[in-house]
Amino acid sequence: MVAMRWAIRSLGLISTIILARLLEPEDFGLFAIAMLVIGFSELVGKAGQELAIIRHPNPTRQDMDSAWTASILVGFGLGSMVVASAPLIAWAFNEPRAEWLIYVLSLRVFVLGFENIGVVMFRRNLDFAREFKYGVIQKLLKASLTIIMAFILRNYWAMVIGSVVGHILFICVSYFVHTYRPTICFKKIGEIWSFSAWILISLMGEFFQSRVDRLLIGIFNNTAAMGFYHIGSMLGRMPTFEIVQTAARALIPSYAKLIHDPQELKSAYLETLSVMTIICFSAATGFALVADDFIHIVYGEKWSNAVFVVTWIALQAGVASLTQTVNPVLTASGHSKSVALLNWAHGIPMVIGLTLVAIQTKDIGAIAQMRMVITTAVAPFFFLLLARTVPITPWDIGRLMWRPLIASLAMAGAVISLPSSIGSDLRIISLIVDISVGSFVFGLTLIGLWALSGRAAGFEKTVVRMIRSRLKRST
């Protein structure tokens, strides 16, 4: 699943780099404004129905068809709301061009529920190889179409047309990759919605806490600033959030099999957290350190205003990703109400804090910085609520986090102490040196602390055991 997500994100990154060279920040900002309402509709439109099937102990055809029917109904309802909101969104953002973009992009929402519900069984049955292929095909279609249209049109319509046509083709593909053929059925819709209602409330909270910054920037700033923040936020989240979010999707059916054995569930969660903690601390800190060189080398000088955003969003995404490891355990255990509570507990202070910053400064860097502060402040509440479901203690969490945290600080100190690049032609050398030194210092510090602390069970021990095993086989 992680391989799939990174293959998709790599395609997306390549696509974005090409588009960033062909289009202007204002084009990205305008597309981002239109996608705010589309993104919300797509986020809440299907996830509840899919999770109801994944979590079901033995879904029947009636369950599958009812989930598909519910998705179609929700899609039509949300699509109608999107169309009705288009003039209001254009007025709120003082961007008349956004209205027609939203009308066209609403087609994605109307057809949302027609995706073959059978593909959900890939994830439910842990058939991630087939889901990998399906996800990559989806991204290839959208990325290819968007790039072709960008070369032809050289404006924001390229992203709109590529997005809509690619989405429709992807729905068609869903019927080629899985043999299931759904039909309209209303018999189990009540059961489906009884579970998905709290999922919907949870996703609404997640959406507001994750997108309120873009909403505020669009209202209080110009379209170009929106473009800088959109690209900076997307890049900052990639190294950590994409991995953890993808793993979370894959882990829900696995956790669901362990809900009757709390100790096994605890063991499985702590093993996962051990890996995710190392990934999040190292990747978030590392990318924040090299953001300046990366943006200038890959995207060009015209995107330099996004550097500060990338730096702080990368750090914020690292912390947020760790809190997201809690959600799949609670969801699999049937505590969707708790997930909703956590997302809104994160979302409400995010809305208040970012609104105050946006009104006072209108600075996209300050908004990104405030995201980091708020996410860090609410993070402990996620683990405290998890402790009510899984028998974990603060000591269990702390013993997994302290070594990666210190290793990340050592990495930051080493990279910051290196001389800065001189001139744009040396940025690539600076980037390579920073990555090499940072990776070496992080790895050496992490293994050293692990050895000094008694070689406790965890990701480090697993890696060392794997290395020794490979060395024995090679000799």
Protein backbone atom coordinates (compact mmCIF):
# COMPACT_ATOMS: atom_id res chain seq x y z
CA MET A 1 0.00 0.00 0.00
CA VAL A 2 2.84 2.39 0.81
CA ALA A 3 4.51 1.44 -2.47
CA MET A 4 1.24 2.21 -4.26
CA ARG A 5 0.86 5.58 -2.58
CA TRP A 6 4.43 6.57 -3.34
CA ALA A 7 4.11 5.42 -6.94
CA ILE A 8 0.98 7.57 -7.20
CA ARG A 9 2.59 10.50 -5.42
CA SER A 10 5.73 10.21 -7.53
CA LEU A 11 3.58 10.42 -10.64
CA GLY A 12 1.78 13.36 -9.05
CA LEU A 13 5.06 15.05 -8.15
CA ILE A 14 6.41 14.65 -11.67
CA SER A 15 3.12 15.95 -13.05
CA THR A 16 3.17 18.93 -10.67
CA ILE A 17 6.78 19.79 -11.56
CA ILE A 18 5.90 19.84 -15.27
CA LEU A 19 2.76 21.87 -14.63
CA ALA A 20 4.66 24.30 -12.38
CA ARG A 21 7.00 25.04 -15.28
CA LEU A 22 4.12 25.50 -17.75
CA LEU A 23 1.61 27.33 -15.55
CA GLU A 24 1.70 30.21 -13.07
CA PRO A 25 1.12 30.20 -9.28
CA GLU A 26 -2.17 32.01 -9.91
CA ASP A 27 -3.40 29.08 -12.03
CA PHE A 28 -2.73 26.67 -9.16
CA GLY A 29 -4.41 29.05 -6.73
CA LEU A 30 -7.56 29.27 -8.82
CA PHE A 31 -7.72 25.49 -9.18
CA ALA A 32 -7.15 25.10 -5.43
CA ILE A 33 -10.07 27.44 -4.67
CA ALA A 34 -12.40 25.37 -6.84
CA MET A 35 -11.11 22.10 -5.36
CA LEU A 36 -11.90 23.17 -1.79
CA VAL A 37 -15.59 22.41 -2.18
CA ILE A 38 -14.94 19.48 -4.53
CA GLY A 39 -12.41 17.96 -2.11
CA PHE A 40 -14.85 18.20 0.77
CA SER A 41 -17.59 16.48 -1.23
CA GLU A 42 -15.31 13.64 -2.34
CA LEU A 43 -13.88 13.15 1.13
CA VAL A 44 -17.25 12.63 2.80
CA GLY A 45 -19.01 11.07 -0.18
CA LYS A 46 -17.81 7.46 -0.09
CA ALA A 47 -15.53 6.68 2.82
CA GLY A 48 -18.31 5.77 5.27
CA GLN A 49 -19.89 3.25 2.89
CA GLU A 50 -16.52 1.68 2.06
CA LEU A 51 -15.50 1.36 5.72
CA ALA A 52 -18.86 -0.22 6.53
CA ILE A 53 -18.07 -3.01 4.04
CA ILE A 54 -14.44 -3.38 5.16
CA ARG A 55 -15.43 -3.66 8.80
CA HIS A 56 -18.42 -5.98 8.17
CA PRO A 57 -17.61 -9.56 9.35
CA ASN A 58 -19.30 -11.16 6.33
CA PRO A 59 -20.76 -8.69 3.81
CA THR A 60 -23.51 -10.09 1.57
CA ARG A 61 -24.50 -8.96 -1.90
CA GLN A 62 -27.27 -6.88 -0.35
CA ASP A 63 -24.69 -5.10 1.83
CA MET A 64 -22.44 -4.42 -1.17
CA ASP A 65 -25.24 -3.22 -3.42
CA SER A 66 -26.77 -1.07 -0.69
CA ALA A 67 -23.40 0.58 -0.08
CA TRP A 68 -23.09 1.27 -3.83
CA THR A 69 -26.62 2.68 -3.99
CA ALA A 70 -25.96 4.87 -0.95
CA SER A 71 -22.80 6.22 -2.60
CA ILE A 72 -24.74 7.15 -5.73
CA LEU A 73 -27.41 8.96 -3.70
CA VAL A 74 -24.81 10.81 -1.66
CA GLY A 75 -22.93 11.75 -4.85
CA PHE A 76 -26.02 13.28 -6.42
CA GLY A 77 -26.87 15.13 -3.22
CA LEU A 78 -23.37 16.51 -2.78
CA GLY A 79 -23.07 17.35 -6.48
CA SER A 80 -26.23 19.43 -6.29
CA MET A 81 -24.85 21.25 -3.24
CA VAL A 82 -21.60 21.94 -5.08
CA VAL A 83 -23.44 23.47 -8.05
CA ALA A 84 -25.58 25.60 -5.74
CA SER A 85 -22.52 26.81 -3.81
CA ALA A 86 -20.50 27.87 -6.88
CA PRO A 87 -21.68 31.53 -6.99
CA LEU A 88 -21.19 31.87 -3.22
CA ILE A 89 -17.65 30.45 -3.38
CA ALA A 90 -16.74 32.78 -6.25
CA TRP A 91 -18.10 35.75 -4.29
CA ALA A 92 -16.41 34.76 -0.99
CA PHE A 93 -13.01 34.45 -2.66
CA ASN A 94 -13.58 37.47 -4.92
CA GLU A 95 -12.69 35.26 -7.87
CA PRO A 96 -15.46 35.18 -10.53
CA ARG A 97 -13.47 32.70 -12.65
CA ALA A 98 -13.88 30.05 -9.95
CA GLU A 99 -17.63 29.74 -10.56
CA TRP A 100 -17.39 27.98 -13.91
CA LEU A 101 -14.50 25.86 -12.69
CA ILE A 102 -16.70 24.57 -9.88
CA TYR A 103 -19.57 23.85 -12.28
CA VAL A 104 -17.32 21.70 -14.46
CA LEU A 105 -15.53 20.01 -11.55
CA SER A 106 -18.90 19.13 -9.96
CA LEU A 107 -19.14 16.36 -12.59
CA ARG A 108 -16.57 14.50 -10.48
CA VAL A 109 -18.93 14.58 -7.52
CA PHE A 110 -22.04 13.53 -9.47
CA VAL A 111 -20.30 10.39 -10.77
CA LEU A 112 -18.51 9.72 -7.48
CA GLY A 113 -20.74 6.88 -6.32
CA PHE A 114 -20.67 4.94 -9.60
CA GLU A 115 -17.24 3.46 -8.93
CA ASN A 116 -17.48 -0.33 -8.72
CA ILE A 117 -17.99 -1.19 -5.04
CA GLY A 118 -16.21 -4.47 -5.74
CA VAL A 119 -12.80 -2.77 -5.65
CA VAL A 120 -13.28 -2.25 -1.90
CA MET A 121 -12.77 -6.00 -1.53
CA PHE A 122 -9.12 -5.56 -2.56
CA ARG A 123 -8.49 -3.78 0.72
CA ARG A 124 -10.87 -5.89 2.79
CA ASN A 125 -9.16 -9.10 1.65
CA LEU A 126 -5.69 -7.55 2.01
CA ASP A 127 -5.17 -7.94 -1.75
CA PHE A 128 -2.93 -4.90 -1.93
CA ALA A 129 -1.12 -5.97 -5.10
CA ARG A 130 -4.30 -5.50 -7.12
CA GLU A 131 -5.13 -2.26 -5.32
CA PHE A 132 -1.62 -1.07 -6.19
CA LYS A 133 -2.25 -1.59 -9.90
CA TYR A 134 -5.68 -0.02 -9.70
CA GLY A 135 -4.40 3.09 -7.91
CA VAL A 136 -1.47 3.58 -10.28
CA ILE A 137 -3.70 3.29 -13.34
CA GLN A 138 -5.99 5.93 -11.85
CA LYS A 139 -3.13 8.39 -11.33
CA LEU A 140 -1.58 7.70 -14.72
CA LEU A 141 -4.83 8.56 -16.46
CA LYS A 142 -5.28 11.86 -14.64
CA ALA A 143 -1.63 12.92 -14.78
CA SER A 144 -1.23 12.11 -18.47
CA LEU A 145 -4.39 13.94 -19.49
CA THR A 146 -3.52 16.99 -17.38
CA ILE A 147 -0.01 17.30 -18.80
CA ILE A 148 -1.26 16.96 -22.38
CA MET A 149 -3.88 19.64 -21.79
CA ALA A 150 -1.30 21.91 -20.12
CA PHE A 151 0.91 21.81 -23.21
CA ILE A 152 -2.12 22.70 -25.34
CA LEU A 153 -3.94 25.28 -23.20
CA ARG A 154 -1.22 26.72 -20.91
CA ASN A 155 -3.77 27.78 -18.26
CA TYR A 156 -5.83 26.47 -15.33
CA TRP A 157 -8.38 24.77 -17.57
CA ALA A 158 -5.78 22.09 -18.25
CA MET A 159 -6.01 20.92 -14.64
CA VAL A 160 -9.81 21.09 -14.66
CA ILE A 161 -10.28 19.10 -17.87
CA GLY A 162 -7.60 16.55 -16.96
CA SER A 163 -9.13 16.09 -13.53
CA VAL A 164 -12.72 15.54 -14.71
CA VAL A 165 -12.03 13.37 -17.75
CA GLY A 166 -9.41 11.34 -15.84
CA HIS A 167 -11.88 10.74 -13.01
CA ILE A 168 -14.59 9.48 -15.35
CA LEU A 169 -12.15 7.14 -17.11
CA PHE A 170 -10.97 5.84 -13.73
CA ILE A 171 -14.56 4.90 -12.80
CA CYS A 172 -14.83 2.98 -16.07
CA VAL A 173 -11.58 1.16 -15.23
CA SER A 174 -13.06 0.01 -11.89
CA TYR A 175 -15.38 -2.31 -13.82
CA PHE A 176 -12.49 -3.83 -15.73
CA VAL A 177 -10.31 -4.58 -12.70
CA HIS A 178 -13.05 -6.30 -10.67
CA THR A 179 -15.75 -8.71 -11.86
CA TYR A 180 -18.38 -7.62 -9.33
CA ARG A 181 -21.42 -5.97 -10.95
CA PRO A 182 -23.48 -3.95 -8.45
CA THR A 183 -27.21 -3.26 -8.78
CA ILE A 184 -29.51 -0.77 -7.10
CA CYS A 185 -30.55 -2.01 -3.64
CA PHE A 186 -32.08 -0.19 -0.67
CA LYS A 187 -32.49 -3.06 1.81
CA LYS A 188 -29.36 -2.44 3.90
CA ILE A 189 -28.96 1.32 3.43
CA GLY A 190 -30.16 1.92 7.00
CA GLU A 191 -27.40 -0.30 8.39
CA ILE A 192 -24.79 1.26 6.13
CA TRP A 193 -25.70 4.79 7.16
CA SER A 194 -25.99 3.91 10.85
CA PHE A 195 -22.25 3.15 10.79
CA SER A 196 -21.18 5.78 8.28
CA ALA A 197 -22.96 8.69 10.02
CA TRP A 198 -20.19 9.06 12.60
CA ILE A 199 -17.59 8.50 9.89
CA LEU A 200 -19.16 11.40 7.99
CA ILE A 201 -19.01 13.66 11.05
CA SER A 202 -15.41 12.57 11.62
CA LEU A 203 -14.39 13.30 8.04
CA MET A 204 -16.02 16.72 8.19
CA GLY A 205 -13.87 17.53 11.22
CA GLU A 206 -10.79 16.18 9.46
CA PHE A 207 -11.55 18.27 6.38
CA PHE A 208 -11.96 21.51 8.30
CA GLN A 209 -8.76 21.06 10.29
CA SER A 210 -6.78 20.11 7.17
CA ARG A 211 -8.22 22.67 4.71
CA VAL A 212 -9.27 25.68 6.77
CA ASP A 213 -5.87 27.29 6.12
CA ARG A 214 -6.46 27.28 2.35
CA LEU A 215 -9.98 28.61 2.86
CA LEU A 216 -8.66 31.54 4.92
CA ILE A 217 -5.82 32.30 2.51
CA GLY A 218 -8.29 32.36 -0.37
CA ILE A 219 -10.51 34.82 1.51
CA PHE A 220 -7.86 37.10 3.00
CA ASN A 221 -5.15 36.90 0.36
CA ASN A 222 -4.78 36.80 -3.42
CA THR A 223 -4.97 33.86 -5.83
CA ALA A 224 -1.19 33.71 -6.30
CA ALA A 225 -0.69 33.31 -2.52
CA MET A 226 -3.22 30.51 -2.64
CA GLY A 227 -1.12 28.85 -5.35
CA PHE A 228 2.08 29.12 -3.29
CA TYR A 229 0.36 27.68 -0.23
CA HIS A 230 -1.33 24.89 -2.21
CA ILE A 231 1.96 23.66 -3.65
CA GLY A 232 3.86 24.18 -0.37
CA SER A 233 1.25 22.31 1.66
CA MET A 234 1.11 19.44 -0.81
CA LEU A 235 4.89 19.03 -0.78
CA GLY A 236 5.22 19.38 2.99
CA ARG A 237 2.73 16.56 3.62
CA MET A 238 4.22 14.12 1.13
CA PRO A 239 7.18 12.62 3.06
CA THR A 240 5.14 11.59 6.11
CA PHE A 241 1.39 11.96 5.84
CA GLU A 242 1.12 10.01 2.61
CA ILE A 243 2.90 7.01 4.13
CA VAL A 244 0.97 6.98 7.41
CA GLN A 245 -2.43 7.65 5.85
CA THR A 246 -1.89 4.83 3.37
CA ALA A 247 -0.72 2.43 6.06
CA ALA A 248 -3.76 3.38 8.13
CA ARG A 249 -6.09 2.32 5.31
CA ALA A 250 -4.26 -0.98 5.02
CA LEU A 251 -4.26 -1.63 8.76
CA ILE A 252 -7.99 -1.25 9.45
CA PRO A 253 -8.93 -4.80 8.33
CA SER A 254 -5.91 -6.20 10.21
CA TYR A 255 -6.82 -4.39 13.43
CA ALA A 256 -10.44 -5.49 13.02
CA LYS A 257 -9.34 -9.12 13.33
CA LEU A 258 -7.71 -8.39 16.72
CA ILE A 259 -10.42 -6.41 18.50
CA HIS A 260 -11.30 -9.36 20.75
CA ASP A 261 -7.71 -9.68 21.99
CA PRO A 262 -6.64 -6.34 23.56
CA GLN A 263 -3.05 -7.48 24.22
CA GLU A 264 -2.55 -8.60 20.62
CA LEU A 265 -4.11 -5.35 19.41
CA LYS A 266 -1.75 -3.40 21.68
CA SER A 267 1.26 -5.33 20.37
CA ALA A 268 0.24 -4.78 16.75
CA TYR A 269 -0.32 -1.06 17.30
CA LEU A 270 2.99 -0.51 19.10
CA GLU A 271 4.87 -2.34 16.35
CA THR A 272 3.25 -0.04 13.81
CA LEU A 273 3.92 3.05 15.91
CA SER A 274 7.59 2.07 16.26
CA VAL A 275 8.03 2.17 12.49
CA MET A 276 5.89 5.25 11.95
CA THR A 277 7.69 7.25 14.64
CA ILE A 278 11.05 6.76 12.95
CA ILE A 279 9.60 7.61 9.53
CA CYS A 280 7.77 10.71 10.75
CA PHE A 281 10.59 12.23 12.80
CA SER A 282 13.28 11.61 10.21
CA ALA A 283 11.31 12.48 7.07
CA ALA A 284 9.57 15.55 8.50
CA THR A 285 12.75 17.05 9.95
CA GLY A 286 14.85 16.10 6.96
CA PHE A 287 12.51 17.61 4.37
CA ALA A 288 12.08 20.79 6.40
CA LEU A 289 15.88 21.19 6.41
CA VAL A 290 16.27 20.87 2.63
CA ALA A 291 13.05 22.65 1.57
CA ASP A 292 14.84 25.77 0.32
CA ASP A 293 17.21 23.96 -2.04
CA PHE A 294 14.52 21.49 -3.13
CA ILE A 295 12.03 24.19 -4.15
CA HIS A 296 14.60 26.24 -6.07
CA ILE A 297 16.06 23.22 -7.89
CA VAL A 298 12.84 21.39 -8.74
CA TYR A 299 10.25 24.14 -9.11
CA GLY A 300 12.33 27.19 -9.94
CA GLU A 301 12.83 30.66 -8.51
CA LYS A 302 9.24 31.77 -9.13
CA TRP A 303 8.10 29.35 -6.39
CA SER A 304 10.48 30.64 -3.69
CA ASN A 305 7.56 32.06 -1.67
CA ALA A 306 6.51 28.48 -0.94
CA VAL A 307 9.72 27.58 0.96
CA PHE A 308 8.59 28.73 4.42
CA VAL A 309 5.26 26.98 3.93
CA VAL A 310 6.96 23.69 3.00
CA THR A 311 9.25 23.92 6.04
CA TRP A 312 6.49 24.31 8.64
CA ILE A 313 3.93 22.07 6.96
CA ALA A 314 6.54 19.29 6.78
CA LEU A 315 7.04 19.50 10.55
CA GLN A 316 3.31 19.77 11.22
CA ALA A 317 2.58 16.79 8.98
CA GLY A 318 5.11 14.71 10.91
CA VAL A 319 3.29 15.31 14.19
CA ALA A 320 -0.16 14.96 12.60
CA SER A 321 0.87 11.67 11.01
CA LEU A 322 1.71 10.19 14.39
CA THR A 323 -1.70 11.15 15.73
CA GLN A 324 -3.32 9.56 12.67
CA THR A 325 -2.01 6.14 13.73
CA VAL A 326 -4.70 6.23 16.42
CA ASN A 327 -7.68 6.50 14.05
CA PRO A 328 -7.52 3.05 12.36
CA VAL A 329 -7.45 1.31 15.75
CA LEU A 330 -10.51 3.21 16.96
CA THR A 331 -12.33 2.74 13.63
CA ALA A 332 -11.64 -1.00 13.53
CA SER A 333 -12.83 -1.30 17.15
CA GLY A 334 -16.14 0.34 16.34
CA HIS A 335 -15.31 3.62 18.10
CA SER A 336 -16.07 5.85 15.12
CA LYS A 337 -17.66 8.34 17.53
CA SER A 338 -14.27 8.74 19.26
CA VAL A 339 -12.57 9.35 15.90
CA ALA A 340 -15.12 12.08 15.17
CA LEU A 341 -14.50 13.62 18.58
CA LEU A 342 -10.73 13.68 18.00
CA ASN A 343 -11.01 15.23 14.56
CA TRP A 344 -13.28 17.98 15.81
CA ALA A 345 -11.09 18.51 18.89
CA HIS A 346 -8.28 19.13 16.42
CA GLY A 347 -10.43 21.06 13.96
CA ILE A 348 -12.05 23.64 16.25
CA PRO A 349 -8.82 25.11 17.71
CA MET A 350 -7.32 24.98 14.21
CA VAL A 351 -10.16 27.10 12.82
CA ILE A 352 -9.94 29.61 15.68
CA GLY A 353 -6.14 29.88 15.71
CA LEU A 354 -5.66 30.14 11.96
CA THR A 355 -8.50 32.64 11.60
CA LEU A 356 -6.83 34.96 14.12
CA VAL A 357 -3.48 34.68 12.34
CA ALA A 358 -5.05 35.22 8.92
CA ILE A 359 -6.89 38.33 10.07
CA GLN A 360 -3.84 39.81 11.80
CA THR A 361 -1.04 39.00 9.35
CA LYS A 362 -2.45 37.51 6.09
CA ASP A 363 0.96 35.83 5.89
CA ILE A 364 0.99 32.29 4.46
CA GLY A 365 4.16 31.41 6.37
CA ALA A 366 2.64 32.47 9.70
CA ILE A 367 -0.45 30.38 8.98
CA ALA A 368 1.71 27.30 8.30
CA GLN A 369 3.64 27.96 11.51
CA MET A 370 0.42 28.19 13.56
CA ARG A 371 -0.72 24.83 12.13
CA MET A 372 2.39 23.27 13.62
CA VAL A 373 1.77 24.83 17.05
CA ILE A 374 -1.88 23.73 17.26
CA THR A 375 -1.25 20.18 16.01
CA THR A 376 1.53 19.68 18.56
CA ALA A 377 -0.70 21.00 21.37
CA VAL A 378 -3.58 18.60 20.66
CA ALA A 379 -1.47 15.51 19.85
CA PRO A 380 -1.45 14.08 23.42
CA PHE A 381 -5.26 13.89 23.44
CA PHE A 382 -5.22 11.35 20.59
CA PHE A 383 -3.10 8.92 22.60
CA LEU A 384 -5.06 9.52 25.81
CA LEU A 385 -8.30 8.59 24.06
CA LEU A 386 -6.65 5.54 22.48
CA ALA A 387 -5.70 4.34 25.98
CA ARG A 388 -9.41 3.90 26.70
CA THR A 389 -9.61 1.26 23.94
CA VAL A 390 -6.14 -0.31 23.96
CA PRO A 391 -4.23 -0.97 27.22
CA ILE A 392 -1.31 1.35 26.49
CA THR A 393 0.40 3.82 28.82
CA PRO A 394 2.35 7.06 28.32
CA TRP A 395 5.48 5.01 29.00
CA ASP A 396 4.67 2.72 26.05
CA ILE A 397 4.44 5.75 23.76
CA GLY A 398 7.42 7.59 25.24
CA ARG A 399 9.84 4.66 24.98
CA LEU A 400 9.19 4.46 21.24
CA MET A 401 9.49 8.19 20.55
CA TRP A 402 12.48 9.46 22.51
CA ARG A 403 15.21 7.89 20.37
CA PRO A 404 13.88 9.12 16.98
CA LEU A 405 13.27 12.57 18.51
CA ILE A 406 16.86 12.94 19.72
CA ALA A 407 18.19 11.49 16.45
CA SER A 408 16.16 14.10 14.52
CA LEU A 409 17.57 16.91 16.67
CA ALA A 410 21.09 15.60 16.05
CA MET A 411 20.38 15.49 12.31
CA ALA A 412 19.07 19.06 12.36
CA GLY A 413 22.13 20.28 14.25
CA ALA A 414 24.50 18.57 11.81
CA VAL A 415 22.77 19.91 8.68
CA ILE A 416 22.35 23.46 10.01
CA SER A 417 26.07 23.57 10.88
CA LEU A 418 27.04 22.82 7.26
CA PRO A 419 28.00 25.80 5.07
CA SER A 420 25.17 27.19 2.93
CA SER A 421 25.20 26.89 -0.86
CA ILE A 422 26.67 29.83 -2.75
CA GLY A 423 24.84 30.54 -6.00
CA SER A 424 22.09 28.61 -7.73
CA ASP A 425 24.56 26.35 -9.56
CA LEU A 426 25.72 24.87 -6.21
CA ARG A 427 22.28 24.18 -4.78
CA ILE A 428 22.22 20.62 -6.11
CA ILE A 429 25.55 19.90 -4.38
CA SER A 430 24.24 21.44 -1.16
CA LEU A 431 21.09 19.31 -1.37
CA ILE A 432 23.04 16.08 -1.89
CA VAL A 433 25.44 16.88 0.96
CA ASP A 434 22.61 17.82 3.35
CA ILE A 435 20.70 14.62 2.61
CA SER A 436 23.79 12.44 2.93
CA VAL A 437 25.01 13.99 6.18
CA GLY A 438 21.51 14.17 7.68
CA SER A 439 20.72 10.53 6.89
CA PHE A 440 24.06 9.33 8.26
CA VAL A 441 23.77 11.30 11.50
CA PHE A 442 20.15 10.26 12.07
CA GLY A 443 20.86 6.57 11.48
CA LEU A 444 24.04 6.53 13.56
CA THR A 445 22.42 8.38 16.46
CA LEU A 446 19.33 6.18 16.40
CA ILE A 447 21.27 2.90 16.44
CA GLY A 448 23.68 4.28 19.06
CA LEU A 449 20.86 5.28 21.41
CA TRP A 450 19.18 1.93 20.86
CA ALA A 451 22.37 0.08 21.79
CA LEU A 452 22.97 2.26 24.85
CA SER A 453 19.38 1.78 26.06
CA GLY A 454 19.66 -2.00 26.16
CA ARG A 455 18.63 -2.92 22.60
CA ALA A 456 14.92 -2.89 23.37
CA ALA A 457 12.38 -4.43 21.04
CA GLY A 458 11.37 -2.14 18.21
CA PHE A 459 12.07 -1.20 14.63
CA GLU A 460 15.82 -0.87 15.23
CA LYS A 461 16.05 -4.43 16.50
CA THR A 462 14.10 -5.71 13.50
CA VAL A 463 16.39 -3.88 11.06
CA VAL A 464 19.57 -5.13 12.75
CA ARG A 465 18.22 -8.68 12.73
CA MET A 466 17.39 -8.41 9.01
CA ILE A 467 20.88 -7.07 8.20
CA ARG A 468 22.55 -9.88 10.12
CA SER A 469 20.36 -12.45 8.39
CA ARG A 470 21.29 -11.11 4.96
CA LEU A 471 24.97 -11.04 5.84
CA LYS A 472 24.82 -14.68 6.97
CA ARG A 473 23.11 -15.75 3.75
CA SER A 474 25.67 -13.86 1.63
CA THR A 475 28.57 -15.62 3.38
